[in-house]
Amino acid sequence: MLRAHRVAWELYYGTVPDGLNVLHNCDTPCCVNPRHLFIGTQADNIADMRIKCRNRDAHGTQRRNAKITEDDVLEIRKRRNNGESPTVLAHEYGMDVSNMVKICKGKAWAHVHE
């Protein structure tokens, strides 16, 4: 069995050299557009993942979709400890109240400590 993006590469460009993988520029695993694909090693794939902050082990601002910073988290927790509502904080920071509650309780952004 071959993955669809590998088949797309081979149909468009030819055989993938031994030891190399077909990687995505677009970071969409199901994409089969040959113009979005390139050849590289597993090390190339890992380097690309880190450059684009796609690694699952990333925390906080290392994640590309982070809406707040570590400094914001400290400020949020301080303000919550001073009695501000998670609802008010969530609205101010443009996030969901349930996520704000997790931040305030230390369940989200747990790596951030004073």
Protein backbone atom coordinates (compact mmCIF):
# COMPACT_ATOMS: atom_id res chain seq x y z
CA MET A 1 0.00 0.00 0.00
CA LEU A 2 1.24 3.47 -0.86
CA ARG A 3 0.03 6.80 0.47
CA ALA A 4 -1.88 8.98 -1.98
CA HIS A 5 0.65 11.83 -1.94
CA ARG A 6 3.43 9.37 -2.82
CA VAL A 7 1.39 8.02 -5.73
CA ALA A 8 0.72 11.60 -6.87
CA TRP A 9 4.46 12.32 -6.80
CA GLU A 10 5.29 9.20 -8.79
CA LEU A 11 2.59 9.87 -11.39
CA TYR A 12 3.78 13.44 -11.86
CA TYR A 13 7.56 13.26 -11.32
CA GLY A 14 8.56 9.60 -11.36
CA THR A 15 10.06 7.18 -8.86
CA VAL A 16 10.99 8.34 -5.37
CA PRO A 17 14.68 7.59 -4.74
CA ASP A 18 15.40 4.95 -2.12
CA GLY A 19 15.67 6.31 1.40
CA LEU A 20 13.73 9.47 0.63
CA ASN A 21 10.20 10.52 1.49
CA VAL A 22 7.56 12.65 -0.19
CA LEU A 23 6.96 15.68 2.03
CA HIS A 24 4.35 18.48 2.01
CA ASN A 25 5.06 22.20 1.62
CA CYS A 26 1.43 22.93 2.47
CA ASP A 27 1.38 20.86 5.68
CA THR A 28 -1.87 19.19 4.64
CA PRO A 29 -1.36 15.43 4.97
CA CYS A 30 -4.20 14.52 2.60
CA CYS A 31 -2.98 16.90 -0.15
CA VAL A 32 -2.04 15.23 -3.44
CA ASN A 33 -1.20 18.36 -5.43
CA PRO A 34 2.24 17.59 -6.94
CA ARG A 35 3.22 21.28 -6.69
CA HIS A 36 2.81 21.06 -2.91
CA LEU A 37 5.15 18.07 -2.59
CA PHE A 38 8.91 17.75 -2.33
CA ILE A 39 11.45 15.00 -1.76
CA GLY A 40 13.50 14.80 1.42
CA THR A 41 14.88 12.66 4.18
CA GLN A 42 13.21 12.01 7.51
CA ALA A 43 15.65 14.53 9.00
CA ASP A 44 14.42 17.10 6.44
CA ASN A 45 10.85 16.36 7.49
CA ILE A 46 11.66 16.85 11.18
CA ALA A 47 13.54 20.09 10.47
CA ASP A 48 10.58 21.36 8.41
CA MET A 49 8.22 20.44 11.27
CA ARG A 50 10.30 22.39 13.79
CA ILE A 51 10.69 25.44 11.54
CA LYS A 52 6.93 25.55 11.08
CA CYS A 53 6.25 24.85 14.78
CA ARG A 54 4.22 21.74 14.07
CA ASN A 55 5.86 19.54 16.68
CA ARG A 56 3.38 18.05 19.11
CA ASP A 57 5.77 18.54 22.00
CA ALA A 58 5.75 22.29 21.53
CA HIS A 59 4.36 24.38 24.37
CA GLY A 60 3.06 27.91 24.61
CA THR A 61 4.39 30.33 22.03
CA GLN A 62 6.31 27.51 20.34
CA ARG A 63 2.95 26.49 18.91
CA ARG A 64 2.03 28.44 15.80
CA ASN A 65 -1.63 28.88 16.79
CA ALA A 66 -0.93 30.37 20.24
CA LYS A 67 -3.18 33.36 20.95
CA ILE A 68 -1.33 34.45 24.06
CA THR A 69 2.20 34.50 25.43
CA GLU A 70 3.74 33.16 28.62
CA ASP A 71 3.70 36.71 30.00
CA ASP A 72 -0.03 36.91 29.22
CA VAL A 73 -0.58 33.69 31.18
CA LEU A 74 1.16 35.13 34.24
CA GLU A 75 -0.93 38.29 33.97
CA ILE A 76 -4.16 36.30 33.50
CA ARG A 77 -3.48 34.16 36.58
CA LYS A 78 -2.60 37.24 38.63
CA ARG A 79 -5.79 38.99 37.58
CA ARG A 80 -7.88 35.89 38.26
CA ASN A 81 -6.34 35.57 41.73
CA ASN A 82 -7.36 39.21 42.28
CA GLY A 83 -10.98 38.30 41.54
CA GLU A 84 -11.46 38.98 37.83
CA SER A 85 -13.89 36.70 36.05
CA PRO A 86 -12.65 34.11 33.53
CA THR A 87 -15.46 35.30 31.25
CA VAL A 88 -14.14 38.87 31.25
CA LEU A 89 -10.57 37.66 30.74
CA ALA A 90 -11.62 35.31 27.91
CA HIS A 91 -13.39 38.14 26.12
CA GLU A 92 -10.41 40.47 26.52
CA TYR A 93 -7.93 37.90 25.19
CA GLY A 94 -10.26 36.65 22.42
CA MET A 95 -10.58 33.07 23.57
CA ASP A 96 -13.13 30.56 24.75
CA VAL A 97 -14.17 30.74 28.42
CA SER A 98 -13.49 27.02 28.96
CA ASN A 99 -9.90 27.49 27.76
CA MET A 100 -9.50 30.53 30.00
CA VAL A 101 -10.66 28.50 33.01
CA LYS A 102 -8.02 25.85 32.18
CA ILE A 103 -5.34 28.55 31.99
CA CYS A 104 -6.44 30.03 35.33
CA LYS A 105 -6.38 26.60 37.00
CA GLY A 106 -2.99 25.72 35.51
CA LYS A 107 -4.36 22.84 33.43
CA ALA A 108 -3.46 24.70 30.22
CA TRP A 109 -0.08 26.39 29.86
CA ALA A 110 1.03 24.25 32.82
CA HIS A 111 4.66 24.85 31.90
CA VAL A 112 4.32 28.51 32.94
CA HIS A 113 5.22 29.24 36.56
CA GLU A 114 5.97 32.44 38.44
